[in-house]
C-alpha cells in the first residue's frame, strides 16, 4: 500500500493518515482520527481494481468477525 501511495505522489500527511501513522511514526503507531471523506473519495478514485476487490473481500470478513459470525478453529 505504501508503495502504491508513493507511486501516485500522495502527500506525506495523507499517506500517513491512510496507513494509520501518527505524525512521528518512529515514536508511536496508530491514529485515533478518521480520514476526511473528501480525501478518501479522491484516493479511492485513484485505486487500481485489485485494491477495490481487496476492500470488498476484507471488509466482508471484518463485518462477519464483528458480528461474531466466524467459527474459531483450533489445531491440536
PDB file of N, CA and C in Angstrom:
ATOM      1  N   UNK A   1       0.825  -1.178   0.000  1.00  0.00           N
ATOM      2  CA  UNK A   1       0.000   0.000   0.000  1.00  0.00           C
ATOM      3  C   UNK A   1       0.876   1.250   0.000  1.00  0.00           C
ATOM      4  N   UNK A   2       1.928   1.239   0.809  1.00  0.00           N
ATOM      5  CA  UNK A   2       2.812   2.399   0.874  1.00  0.00           C
ATOM      6  C   UNK A   2       3.440   2.674  -0.488  1.00  0.00           C
ATOM      7  N   UNK A   3       3.879   1.619  -1.174  1.00  0.00           N
ATOM      8  CA  UNK A   3       4.470   1.807  -2.497  1.00  0.00           C
ATOM      9  C   UNK A   3       3.463   2.391  -3.466  1.00  0.00           C
ATOM     10  N   UNK A   4       2.234   1.907  -3.412  1.00  0.00           N
ATOM     11  CA  UNK A   4       1.189   2.423  -4.298  1.00  0.00           C
ATOM     12  C   UNK A   4       0.961   3.901  -4.041  1.00  0.00           C
ATOM     13  N   UNK A   5       0.874   4.288  -2.781  1.00  0.00           N
ATOM     14  CA  UNK A   5       0.675   5.699  -2.449  1.00  0.00           C
ATOM     15  C   UNK A   5       1.861   6.543  -2.903  1.00  0.00           C
ATOM     16  N   UNK A   6       3.060   6.022  -2.718  1.00  0.00           N
ATOM     17  CA  UNK A   6       4.253   6.750  -3.157  1.00  0.00           C
ATOM     18  C   UNK A   6       4.273   6.917  -4.678  1.00  0.00           C
ATOM     19  N   UNK A   7       3.908   5.870  -5.392  1.00  0.00           N
ATOM     20  CA  UNK A   7       3.890   5.937  -6.856  1.00  0.00           C
ATOM     21  C   UNK A   7       2.860   6.925  -7.377  1.00  0.00           C
ATOM     22  N   UNK A   8       1.805   7.138  -6.619  1.00  0.00           N
ATOM     23  CA  UNK A   8       0.756   8.088  -7.018  1.00  0.00           C
ATOM     24  C   UNK A   8       1.044   9.497  -6.521  1.00  0.00           C
ATOM     25  N   UNK A   9       2.196   9.691  -5.880  1.00  0.00           N
ATOM     26  CA  UNK A   9       2.622  11.002  -5.373  1.00  0.00           C
ATOM     27  C   UNK A   9       1.605  11.589  -4.391  1.00  0.00           C
ATOM     28  N   UNK A  10       1.063  10.737  -3.523  1.00  0.00           N
ATOM     29  CA  UNK A  10       0.140  11.176  -2.481  1.00  0.00           C
ATOM     30  C   UNK A  10       0.939  11.958  -1.433  1.00  0.00           C
ATOM     31  N   UNK A  11       0.386  13.057  -0.971  1.00  0.00           N
ATOM     32  CA  UNK A  11       1.068  13.890   0.023  1.00  0.00           C
ATOM     33  C   UNK A  11       1.407  13.072   1.265  1.00  0.00           C
ATOM     34  N   UNK A  12       2.548  13.373   1.883  1.00  0.00           N
ATOM     35  CA  UNK A  12       3.018  12.621   3.046  1.00  0.00           C
ATOM     36  C   UNK A  12       1.985  12.605   4.168  1.00  0.00           C
ATOM     37  N   UNK A  13       1.365  13.737   4.430  1.00  0.00           N
ATOM     38  CA  UNK A  13       0.372  13.810   5.507  1.00  0.00           C
ATOM     39  C   UNK A  13      -0.797  12.862   5.231  1.00  0.00           C
ATOM     40  N   UNK A  14      -1.277  12.857   3.990  1.00  0.00           N
ATOM     41  CA  UNK A  14      -2.379  11.982   3.608  1.00  0.00           C
ATOM     42  C   UNK A  14      -1.935  10.529   3.631  1.00  0.00           C
ATOM     43  N   UNK A  15      -0.716  10.266   3.154  1.00  0.00           N
ATOM     44  CA  UNK A  15      -0.150   8.912   3.160  1.00  0.00           C
ATOM     45  C   UNK A  15      -0.114   8.368   4.584  1.00  0.00           C
ATOM     46  N   UNK A  16       0.381   9.182   5.516  1.00  0.00           N
ATOM     47  CA  UNK A  16       0.459   8.752   6.906  1.00  0.00           C
ATOM     48  C   UNK A  16      -0.926   8.458   7.475  1.00  0.00           C
ATOM     49  N   UNK A  17      -1.893   9.290   7.114  1.00  0.00           N
ATOM     50  CA  UNK A  17      -3.260   9.105   7.606  1.00  0.00           C
ATOM     51  C   UNK A  17      -3.845   7.790   7.087  1.00  0.00           C
ATOM     52  N   UNK A  18      -3.654   7.514   5.813  1.00  0.00           N
ATOM     53  CA  UNK A  18      -4.192   6.292   5.214  1.00  0.00           C
ATOM     54  C   UNK A  18      -3.563   5.056   5.843  1.00  0.00           C
ATOM     55  N   UNK A  19      -2.259   5.119   6.088  1.00  0.00           N
ATOM     56  CA  UNK A  19      -1.548   3.974   6.644  1.00  0.00           C
ATOM     57  C   UNK A  19      -1.713   3.856   8.152  1.00  0.00           C
ATOM     58  N   UNK A  20      -2.393   4.835   8.762  1.00  0.00           N
ATOM     59  CA  UNK A  20      -2.630   4.779  10.194  1.00  0.00           C
ATOM     60  C   UNK A  20      -1.455   5.253  11.014  1.00  0.00           C
ATOM     61  N   UNK A  21      -0.583   6.050  10.419  1.00  0.00           N
ATOM     62  CA  UNK A  21       0.594   6.528  11.121  1.00  0.00           C
ATOM     63  C   UNK A  21       0.328   7.867  11.790  1.00  0.00           C
ATOM     64  N   UNK A  22       0.868   8.016  12.969  1.00  0.00           N
ATOM     65  CA  UNK A  22       0.864   9.314  13.639  1.00  0.00           C
ATOM     66  C   UNK A  22       1.930  10.173  12.963  1.00  0.00           C
ATOM     67  N   UNK A  23       2.041  11.422  13.339  1.00  0.00           N
ATOM     68  CA  UNK A  23       2.991  12.312  12.678  1.00  0.00           C
ATOM     69  C   UNK A  23       4.436  11.838  12.834  1.00  0.00           C
ATOM     70  N   UNK A  24       4.777  11.252  13.961  1.00  0.00           N
ATOM     71  CA  UNK A  24       6.117  10.710  14.151  1.00  0.00           C
ATOM     72  C   UNK A  24       5.989   9.204  14.317  1.00  0.00           C
ATOM     73  N   UNK A  25       6.096   8.487  13.231  1.00  0.00           N
ATOM     74  CA  UNK A  25       5.880   7.041  13.236  1.00  0.00           C
ATOM     75  C   UNK A  25       6.897   6.328  14.112  1.00  0.00           C
ATOM     76  N   UNK A  26       8.107   6.851  14.185  1.00  0.00           N
ATOM     77  CA  UNK A  26       9.128   6.175  14.978  1.00  0.00           C
ATOM     78  C   UNK A  26       8.763   6.151  16.452  1.00  0.00           C
ATOM     79  N   UNK A  27       8.079   7.189  16.925  1.00  0.00           N
ATOM     80  CA  UNK A  27       7.770   7.269  18.340  1.00  0.00           C
ATOM     81  C   UNK A  27       6.518   6.528  18.746  1.00  0.00           C
ATOM     82  N   UNK A  28       5.579   6.386  17.815  1.00  0.00           N
ATOM     83  CA  UNK A  28       4.327   5.701  18.132  1.00  0.00           C
ATOM     84  C   UNK A  28       3.659   5.267  16.840  1.00  0.00           C
ATOM     85  N   UNK A  29       2.675   4.428  16.950  1.00  0.00           N
ATOM     86  CA  UNK A  29       1.998   3.887  15.777  1.00  0.00           C
ATOM     87  C   UNK A  29       0.496   3.955  16.004  1.00  0.00           C
ATOM     88  N   UNK A  30      -0.247   4.265  14.963  1.00  0.00           N
ATOM     89  CA  UNK A  30      -1.697   4.292  15.037  1.00  0.00           C
ATOM     90  C   UNK A  30      -2.251   5.692  15.026  1.00  0.00           C
ATOM     91  N   UNK A  31      -3.561   5.770  14.792  1.00  0.00           N
ATOM     92  CA  UNK A  31      -4.212   7.063  14.707  1.00  0.00           C
ATOM     93  C   UNK A  31      -5.641   6.904  15.230  1.00  0.00           C
ATOM     94  N   UNK A  32      -6.069   7.870  16.024  1.00  0.00           N
ATOM     95  CA  UNK A  32      -7.436   7.822  16.552  1.00  0.00           C
ATOM     96  C   UNK A  32      -8.432   8.543  15.655  1.00  0.00           C
ATOM     97  N   UNK A  33      -7.955   9.346  14.719  1.00  0.00           N
ATOM     98  CA  UNK A  33      -8.838  10.119  13.853  1.00  0.00           C
ATOM     99  C   UNK A  33      -9.358   9.302  12.685  1.00  0.00           C
ATOM    100  N   UNK A  34     -10.241   9.921  11.928  1.00  0.00           N
ATOM    101  CA  UNK A  34     -10.830   9.287  10.759  1.00  0.00           C
ATOM    102  C   UNK A  34     -10.423  10.095   9.534  1.00  0.00           C
ATOM    103  N   UNK A  35     -10.156   9.426   8.439  1.00  0.00           N
ATOM    104  CA  UNK A  35      -9.764  10.074   7.203  1.00  0.00           C
ATOM    105  C   UNK A  35     -10.908  10.945   6.693  1.00  0.00           C
ATOM    106  N   UNK A  36     -10.582  12.169   6.300  1.00  0.00           N
ATOM    107  CA  UNK A  36     -11.568  13.109   5.751  1.00  0.00           C
ATOM    108  C   UNK A  36     -12.258  12.452   4.552  1.00  0.00           C
ATOM    109  N   UNK A  37     -13.594  12.464   4.504  1.00  0.00           N
ATOM    110  CA  UNK A  37     -14.314  11.804   3.402  1.00  0.00           C
ATOM    111  C   UNK A  37     -13.947  12.344   2.020  1.00  0.00           C
ATOM    112  N   UNK A  38     -13.642  13.630   1.912  1.00  0.00           N
ATOM    113  CA  UNK A  38     -13.256  14.189   0.611  1.00  0.00           C
ATOM    114  C   UNK A  38     -11.911  13.637   0.161  1.00  0.00           C
ATOM    115  N   UNK A  39     -10.977  13.516   1.089  1.00  0.00           N
ATOM    116  CA  UNK A  39      -9.670  12.946   0.755  1.00  0.00           C
ATOM    117  C   UNK A  39      -9.836  11.471   0.413  1.00  0.00           C
ATOM    118  N   UNK A  40     -10.647  10.771   1.181  1.00  0.00           N
ATOM    119  CA  UNK A  40     -10.875   9.348   0.919  1.00  0.00           C
ATOM    120  C   UNK A  40     -11.468   9.138  -0.477  1.00  0.00           C
ATOM    121  N   UNK A  41     -12.385   9.991  -0.892  1.00  0.00           N
ATOM    122  CA  UNK A  41     -13.000   9.874  -2.220  1.00  0.00           C
ATOM    123  C   UNK A  41     -11.965  10.097  -3.318  1.00  0.00           C
ATOM    124  N   UNK A  42     -11.073  11.055  -3.127  1.00  0.00           N
ATOM    125  CA  UNK A  42     -10.034  11.313  -4.131  1.00  0.00           C
ATOM    126  C   UNK A  42      -9.081  10.128  -4.241  1.00  0.00           C
ATOM    127  N   UNK A  43      -8.732   9.553  -3.105  1.00  0.00           N
ATOM    128  CA  UNK A  43      -7.822   8.408  -3.112  1.00  0.00           C
ATOM    129  C   UNK A  43      -8.501   7.198  -3.725  1.00  0.00           C
ATOM    130  N   UNK A  44      -9.757   6.993  -3.387  1.00  0.00           N
ATOM    131  CA  UNK A  44     -10.492   5.851  -3.937  1.00  0.00           C
ATOM    132  C   UNK A  44     -10.577   5.934  -5.457  1.00  0.00           C
ATOM    133  N   UNK A  45     -10.680   7.146  -5.992  1.00  0.00           N
ATOM    134  CA  UNK A  45     -10.735   7.323  -7.446  1.00  0.00           C
ATOM    135  C   UNK A  45      -9.433   6.884  -8.116  1.00  0.00           C
ATOM    136  N   UNK A  46      -8.312   6.932  -7.394  1.00  0.00           N
ATOM    137  CA  UNK A  46      -7.013   6.539  -7.936  1.00  0.00           C
ATOM    138  C   UNK A  46      -6.731   5.047  -7.794  1.00  0.00           C
ATOM    139  N   UNK A  47      -7.509   4.356  -6.985  1.00  0.00           N
ATOM    140  CA  UNK A  47      -7.222   2.961  -6.654  1.00  0.00           C
ATOM    141  C   UNK A  47      -7.283   2.055  -7.875  1.00  0.00           C
ATOM    142  N   UNK A  48      -6.321   1.155  -7.970  1.00  0.00           N
ATOM    143  CA  UNK A  48      -6.405   0.139  -9.024  1.00  0.00           C
ATOM    144  C   UNK A  48      -7.506  -0.869  -8.669  1.00  0.00           C
ATOM    145  N   UNK A  49      -8.027  -1.578  -9.652  1.00  0.00           N
ATOM    146  CA  UNK A  49      -9.114  -2.541  -9.404  1.00  0.00           C
ATOM    147  C   UNK A  49      -8.788  -3.580  -8.333  1.00  0.00           C
ATOM    148  N   UNK A  50      -7.534  -4.007  -8.231  1.00  0.00           N
ATOM    149  CA  UNK A  50      -7.193  -5.035  -7.248  1.00  0.00           C
ATOM    150  C   UNK A  50      -7.412  -4.530  -5.827  1.00  0.00           C
ATOM    151  N   UNK A  51      -7.155  -3.267  -5.562  1.00  0.00           N
ATOM    152  CA  UNK A  51      -7.373  -2.704  -4.231  1.00  0.00           C
ATOM    153  C   UNK A  51      -8.867  -2.648  -3.928  1.00  0.00           C
ATOM    154  N   UNK A  52      -9.664  -2.276  -4.904  1.00  0.00           N
ATOM    155  CA  UNK A  52     -11.116  -2.228  -4.704  1.00  0.00           C
ATOM    156  C   UNK A  52     -11.668  -3.621  -4.399  1.00  0.00           C
ATOM    157  N   UNK A  53     -11.161  -4.643  -5.095  1.00  0.00           N
ATOM    158  CA  UNK A  53     -11.612  -6.013  -4.839  1.00  0.00           C
ATOM    159  C   UNK A  53     -11.162  -6.483  -3.464  1.00  0.00           C
ATOM    160  N   UNK A  54      -9.920  -6.130  -3.084  1.00  0.00           N
ATOM    161  CA  UNK A  54      -9.427  -6.500  -1.758  1.00  0.00           C
ATOM    162  C   UNK A  54     -10.308  -5.890  -0.677  1.00  0.00           C
ATOM    163  N   UNK A  55     -10.715  -4.638  -0.867  1.00  0.00           N
ATOM    164  CA  UNK A  55     -11.560  -3.974   0.132  1.00  0.00           C
ATOM    165  C   UNK A  55     -12.861  -4.735   0.326  1.00  0.00           C
ATOM    166  N   UNK A  56     -13.495  -5.149  -0.772  1.00  0.00           N
ATOM    167  CA  UNK A  56     -14.755  -5.886  -0.671  1.00  0.00           C
ATOM    168  C   UNK A  56     -14.574  -7.171   0.133  1.00  0.00           C
ATOM    169  N   UNK A  57     -13.522  -7.904  -0.178  1.00  0.00           N
ATOM    170  CA  UNK A  57     -13.279  -9.184   0.488  1.00  0.00           C
ATOM    171  C   UNK A  57     -12.955  -8.976   1.969  1.00  0.00           C
ATOM    172  N   UNK A  58     -12.044  -8.058   2.251  1.00  0.00           N
ATOM    173  CA  UNK A  58     -11.600  -7.869   3.631  1.00  0.00           C
ATOM    174  C   UNK A  58     -12.677  -7.232   4.509  1.00  0.00           C
ATOM    175  N   UNK A  59     -13.438  -6.284   3.963  1.00  0.00           N
ATOM    176  CA  UNK A  59     -14.500  -5.678   4.774  1.00  0.00           C
ATOM    177  C   UNK A  59     -15.624  -6.663   5.046  1.00  0.00           C
ATOM    178  N   UNK A  60     -15.901  -7.545   4.094  1.00  0.00           N
ATOM    179  CA  UNK A  60     -16.924  -8.571   4.336  1.00  0.00           C
ATOM    180  C   UNK A  60     -16.485  -9.479   5.479  1.00  0.00           C
ATOM    181  N   UNK A  61     -15.216  -9.873   5.468  1.00  0.00           N
ATOM    182  CA  UNK A  61     -14.703 -10.719   6.545  1.00  0.00           C
ATOM    183  C   UNK A  61     -14.717  -9.978   7.881  1.00  0.00           C
ATOM    184  N   UNK A  62     -14.345  -8.700   7.863  1.00  0.00           N
ATOM    185  CA  UNK A  62     -14.354  -7.905   9.097  1.00  0.00           C
ATOM    186  C   UNK A  62     -15.768  -7.790   9.652  1.00  0.00           C
ATOM    187  N   UNK A  63     -16.736  -7.563   8.781  1.00  0.00           N
ATOM    188  CA  UNK A  63     -18.128  -7.452   9.227  1.00  0.00           C
ATOM    189  C   UNK A  63     -18.603  -8.762   9.852  1.00  0.00           C
ATOM    190  N   UNK A  64     -18.208  -9.885   9.269  1.00  0.00           N
ATOM    191  CA  UNK A  64     -18.562 -11.190   9.862  1.00  0.00           C
ATOM    192  C   UNK A  64     -17.915 -11.352  11.234  1.00  0.00           C
ATOM    193  N   UNK A  65     -16.660 -10.970  11.334  1.00  0.00           N
ATOM    194  CA  UNK A  65     -15.957 -11.081  12.620  1.00  0.00           C
ATOM    195  C   UNK A  65     -16.600 -10.183  13.668  1.00  0.00           C
ATOM    196  N   UNK A  66     -16.926  -8.956  13.281  1.00  0.00           N
ATOM    197  CA  UNK A  66     -17.555  -8.023  14.217  1.00  0.00           C
ATOM    198  C   UNK A  66     -18.910  -8.530  14.702  1.00  0.00           C
ATOM    199  N   UNK A  67     -19.609  -9.261  13.833  1.00  0.00           N
ATOM    200  CA  UNK A  67     -20.930  -9.788  14.193  1.00  0.00           C
ATOM    201  C   UNK A  67     -20.833 -11.113  14.955  1.00  0.00           C
ATOM    202  N   UNK A  68     -19.603 -11.618  15.138  1.00  0.00           N
ATOM    203  CA  UNK A  68     -19.427 -12.888  15.835  1.00  0.00           C
ATOM    204  C   UNK A  68     -19.840 -14.081  14.997  1.00  0.00           C
ATOM    205  N   UNK A  69     -19.847 -13.924  13.675  1.00  0.00           N
ATOM    206  CA  UNK A  69     -20.323 -14.963  12.785  1.00  0.00           C
ATOM    207  C   UNK A  69     -19.226 -15.908  12.277  1.00  0.00           C
ATOM    208  N   UNK A  70     -18.027 -15.773  12.797  1.00  0.00           N
ATOM    209  CA  UNK A  70     -16.943 -16.645  12.363  1.00  0.00           C
ATOM    210  C   UNK A  70     -16.760 -17.790  13.342  1.00  0.00           C
ATOM    211  N   UNK A  71     -16.291 -18.918  12.848  1.00  0.00           N
ATOM    212  CA  UNK A  71     -16.014 -20.073  13.678  1.00  0.00           C
ATOM    213  C   UNK A  71     -14.517 -20.131  13.949  1.00  0.00           C
ATOM    214  N   UNK A  72     -14.148 -20.276  15.213  1.00  0.00           N
ATOM    215  CA  UNK A  72     -12.751 -20.388  15.587  1.00  0.00           C
ATOM    216  C   UNK A  72     -12.338 -21.842  15.488  1.00  0.00           C
ATOM    217  N   UNK A  73     -11.315 -22.108  14.696  1.00  0.00           N
ATOM    218  CA  UNK A  73     -10.801 -23.453  14.547  1.00  0.00           C
ATOM    219  C   UNK A  73      -9.495 -23.555  15.330  1.00  0.00           C
ATOM    220  N   UNK A  74      -9.375 -24.628  16.085  1.00  0.00           N
ATOM    221  CA  UNK A  74      -8.155 -24.851  16.863  1.00  0.00           C
ATOM    222  C   UNK A  74      -7.442 -26.079  16.326  1.00  0.00           C
ATOM    223  N   UNK A  75      -6.150 -25.938  16.134  1.00  0.00           N
ATOM    224  CA  UNK A  75      -5.373 -27.103  15.703  1.00  0.00           C
ATOM    225  C   UNK A  75      -4.743 -27.757  16.932  1.00  0.00           C
ATOM    226  N   UNK A  76      -4.708 -29.039  16.925  1.00  0.00           N
ATOM    227  CA  UNK A  76      -4.166 -29.769  18.081  1.00  0.00           C
ATOM    228  C   UNK A  76      -2.978 -30.572  17.660  1.00  0.00           C
TER     229      UNK A  76
END
